[in-house]
C-alpha atoms as a PDB file:
ATOM      1  CA  GLN A   1      89.311 123.170  98.552  1.00  0.00           C
ATOM      2  CA  VAL A   2      89.519 119.799 100.017  1.00  0.00           C
ATOM      3  CA  GLN A   3      90.475 118.682 103.467  1.00  0.00           C
ATOM      4  CA  LEU A   4      93.073 115.815 104.324  1.00  0.00           C
ATOM      5  CA  VAL A   5      93.804 113.335 106.977  1.00  0.00           C
ATOM      6  CA  GLU A   6      96.794 111.073 107.015  1.00  0.00           C
ATOM      7  CA  SER A   7      97.170 107.866 109.334  1.00  0.00           C
ATOM      8  CA  GLY A   8      99.651 105.040 109.446  1.00  0.00           C
ATOM      9  CA  GLY A   9     102.182 106.473 110.566  1.00  0.00           C
ATOM     10  CA  GLY A  10     104.620 104.362 113.430  1.00  0.00           C
ATOM     11  CA  LEU A  11     107.834 103.008 114.412  1.00  0.00           C
ATOM     12  CA  VAL A  12     109.347 100.034 112.264  1.00  0.00           C
ATOM     13  CA  GLN A  13     112.535  98.628 112.254  1.00  0.00           C
ATOM     14  CA  ALA A  14     115.037  98.919 109.298  1.00  0.00           C
ATOM     15  CA  GLY A  15     113.795  96.615 106.477  1.00  0.00           C
ATOM     16  CA  GLY A  16     109.995  96.618 107.745  1.00  0.00           C
ATOM     17  CA  SER A  17     107.062  98.453 105.789  1.00  0.00           C
ATOM     18  CA  LEU A  18     104.364 100.880 106.723  1.00  0.00           C
ATOM     19  CA  ARG A  19     100.914 101.852 104.567  1.00  0.00           C
ATOM     20  CA  LEU A  20     100.134 105.452 104.971  1.00  0.00           C
ATOM     21  CA  SER A  21      96.226 107.074 104.122  1.00  0.00           C
ATOM     22  CA  CYS A  22      95.335 110.031 103.211  1.00  0.00           C
ATOM     23  CA  THR A  23      91.482 110.531 103.146  1.00  0.00           C
ATOM     24  CA  ALA A  24      89.865 113.556 101.824  1.00  0.00           C
ATOM     25  CA  SER A  25      86.816 115.171 102.483  1.00  0.00           C
ATOM     26  CA  GLY A  26      85.061 116.767  99.364  1.00  0.00           C
ATOM     27  CA  ARG A  27      83.166 115.930  96.110  1.00  0.00           C
ATOM     28  CA  THR A  28      86.509 117.202  93.702  1.00  0.00           C
ATOM     29  CA  PHE A  29      89.080 115.153  94.631  1.00  0.00           C
ATOM     30  CA  SER A  30      89.068 113.238  91.864  1.00  0.00           C
ATOM     31  CA  ARG A  31      90.165 116.379  90.474  1.00  0.00           C
ATOM     32  CA  TYR A  32      93.279 117.015  92.341  1.00  0.00           C
ATOM     33  CA  ILE A  33      96.858 115.740  91.900  1.00  0.00           C
ATOM     34  CA  MET A  34      98.066 114.395  94.710  1.00  0.00           C
ATOM     35  CA  GLY A  35     101.331 114.108  96.459  1.00  0.00           C
ATOM     36  CA  TRP A  36     103.222 112.622  99.637  1.00  0.00           C
ATOM     37  CA  PHE A  37     106.304 115.003 101.523  1.00  0.00           C
ATOM     38  CA  ARG A  38     107.957 114.390 103.659  1.00  0.00           C
ATOM     39  CA  GLN A  39     110.123 116.648 106.166  1.00  0.00           C
ATOM     40  CA  ALA A  40     113.043 115.027 108.393  1.00  0.00           C
ATOM     41  CA  PRO A  41     114.342 116.868 111.647  1.00  0.00           C
ATOM     42  CA  GLY A  42     117.181 119.803 110.548  1.00  0.00           C
ATOM     43  CA  LYS A  43     115.849 119.420 106.623  1.00  0.00           C
ATOM     44  CA  GLU A  44     113.893 120.932 104.349  1.00  0.00           C
ATOM     45  CA  ARG A  45     110.723 119.259 102.998  1.00  0.00           C
ATOM     46  CA  GLU A  46     110.662 117.150  99.999  1.00  0.00           C
ATOM     47  CA  SER A  47     108.636 115.739  97.492  1.00  0.00           C
ATOM     48  CA  VAL A  48     108.079 111.579  97.743  1.00  0.00           C
ATOM     49  CA  ALA A  49     105.406 110.601  95.540  1.00  0.00           C
ATOM     50  CA  THR A  50     103.329 112.274  93.272  1.00  0.00           C
ATOM     51  CA  ILE A  51     100.207 110.584  91.276  1.00  0.00           C
ATOM     52  CA  ARG A  52      97.941 111.871  88.523  1.00  0.00           C
ATOM     53  CA  ARG A  53      93.962 112.385  88.867  1.00  0.00           C
ATOM     54  CA  SER A  54      93.327 108.956  87.241  1.00  0.00           C
ATOM     55  CA  GLY A  55      96.111 107.205  88.940  1.00  0.00           C
ATOM     56  CA  ASP A  56      98.260 107.207  85.717  1.00  0.00           C
ATOM     57  CA  SER A  57     102.010 107.415  85.893  1.00  0.00           C
ATOM     58  CA  PRO A  58     102.860 107.808  89.414  1.00  0.00           C
ATOM     59  CA  GLY A  59     106.144 109.855  90.282  1.00  0.00           C
ATOM     60  CA  TYR A  60     109.024 108.741  92.816  1.00  0.00           C
ATOM     61  CA  ALA A  61     111.618 110.699  93.987  1.00  0.00           C
ATOM     62  CA  ASP A  62     114.937 108.588  93.653  1.00  0.00           C
ATOM     63  CA  SER A  63     115.296 108.315  97.197  1.00  0.00           C
ATOM     64  CA  VAL A  64     112.890 106.034  97.534  1.00  0.00           C
ATOM     65  CA  LYS A  65     112.418 104.194  93.731  1.00  0.00           C
ATOM     66  CA  GLY A  66     111.804 100.680  93.925  1.00  0.00           C
ATOM     67  CA  ARG A  67     110.674 100.725  97.521  1.00  0.00           C
ATOM     68  CA  PHE A  68     107.554 103.404  97.567  1.00  0.00           C
ATOM     69  CA  THR A  69     104.499 102.872  95.769  1.00  0.00           C
ATOM     70  CA  ILE A  70     102.038 105.646  95.329  1.00  0.00           C
ATOM     71  CA  SER A  71      98.424 104.850  94.596  1.00  0.00           C
ATOM     72  CA  ARG A  72      94.827 105.887  95.009  1.00  0.00           C
ATOM     73  CA  ASP A  73      91.213 104.942  95.238  1.00  0.00           C
ATOM     74  CA  ASN A  74      89.040 107.898  93.858  1.00  0.00           C
ATOM     75  CA  ALA A  75      85.443 105.908  95.143  1.00  0.00           C
ATOM     76  CA  LYS A  76      86.976 106.203  98.835  1.00  0.00           C
ATOM     77  CA  ASN A  77      88.603 109.538  98.422  1.00  0.00           C
ATOM     78  CA  THR A  78      91.854 107.994  99.832  1.00  0.00           C
ATOM     79  CA  VAL A  79      95.440 108.486  98.719  1.00  0.00           C
ATOM     80  CA  TYR A  80      97.854 105.325  99.859  1.00  0.00           C
ATOM     81  CA  LEU A  81     101.513 105.622 100.002  1.00  0.00           C
ATOM     82  CA  GLN A  82     102.993 101.708 100.603  1.00  0.00           C
ATOM     83  CA  MET A  83     106.428 102.031 101.873  1.00  0.00           C
ATOM     84  CA  ASN A  84     108.788  98.858 101.973  1.00  0.00           C
ATOM     85  CA  SER A  85     112.302  98.299 103.070  1.00  0.00           C
ATOM     86  CA  LEU A  86     112.564 101.098 104.921  1.00  0.00           C
ATOM     87  CA  LYS A  87     115.410 102.491 105.923  1.00  0.00           C
ATOM     88  CA  PRO A  88     116.354 105.037 109.050  1.00  0.00           C
ATOM     89  CA  GLU A  89     117.007 107.678 106.526  1.00  0.00           C
ATOM     90  CA  ASP A  90     113.190 107.163 105.911  1.00  0.00           C
ATOM     91  CA  THR A  91     112.427 108.906 109.222  1.00  0.00           C
ATOM     92  CA  ALA A  92     110.472 112.145 109.155  1.00  0.00           C
ATOM     93  CA  VAL A  93     106.882 113.591 109.102  1.00  0.00           C
ATOM     94  CA  TYR A  94     105.031 112.363 106.391  1.00  0.00           C
ATOM     95  CA  TYR A  95     102.181 114.722 104.475  1.00  0.00           C
ATOM     96  CA  CYS A  96      99.723 114.691 102.208  1.00  0.00           C
ATOM     97  CA  ALA A  97      99.273 117.345  99.644  1.00  0.00           C
ATOM     98  CA  ALA A  98      96.801 118.510  96.697  1.00  0.00           C
ATOM     99  CA  LYS A  99      96.465 120.895  93.842  1.00  0.00           C
ATOM    100  CA  SER A 100      94.679 121.041  90.758  1.00  0.00           C
ATOM    101  CA  LEU A 101      96.136 120.212  87.581  1.00  0.00           C
ATOM    102  CA  TYR A 102      96.292 124.322  86.989  1.00  0.00           C
ATOM    103  CA  SER A 103      97.764 124.682  89.969  1.00  0.00           C
ATOM    104  CA  THR A 104     101.473 125.585  90.246  1.00  0.00           C
ATOM    105  CA  SER A 105     101.466 124.829  94.001  1.00  0.00           C
ATOM    106  CA  TRP A 106     100.403 122.556  96.207  1.00  0.00           C
ATOM    107  CA  THR A 107      97.988 124.449  98.662  1.00  0.00           C
ATOM    108  CA  ASP A 108      96.294 121.674 100.342  1.00  0.00           C
ATOM    109  CA  TRP A 109      97.939 119.661 103.187  1.00  0.00           C
ATOM    110  CA  GLY A 110      96.946 117.083 106.016  1.00  0.00           C
ATOM    111  CA  GLN A 111      98.374 117.657 109.517  1.00  0.00           C
ATOM    112  CA  GLY A 112     101.286 114.957 109.079  1.00  0.00           C
ATOM    113  CA  THR A 113     101.783 111.381 110.560  1.00  0.00           C
ATOM    114  CA  GLN A 114     105.479 110.560 112.003  1.00  0.00           C
ATOM    115  CA  VAL A 115     107.266 107.808 110.187  1.00  0.00           C
ATOM    116  CA  THR A 116     110.258 106.498 112.852  1.00  0.00           C
ATOM    117  CA  VAL A 117     112.650 104.106 111.322  1.00  0.00           C
ATOM    118  CA  SER A 118     114.773 102.168 113.579  1.00  0.00           C
ATOM    119  CA  SER A 119     118.694 100.567 113.051  1.00  0.00           C
END
């Protein structure tokens, strides 16, 4: 239903910051719940943050609470992930995903963007 493209990944030192962006194609963007996921080498994919259609009540994994902030701009068809106080364990490929309110699974995914945090 929507096509997603992530950007903003890169290499940073521990304690630094990055801002990821995910731009969607499609006029129904505002109807979707959006989320950020990540997959580190040798680990399973995990949910990082989710945000409702309106932007209310964002949810975060315990490992990133207080450091990461998810937001969205429906007028620009874009969802963001602001990542502060980055740690080496945050190193992973980060994916943007979308689902409708009535879906039980995430069905639309971006291609991923690499985030590497050095010690």
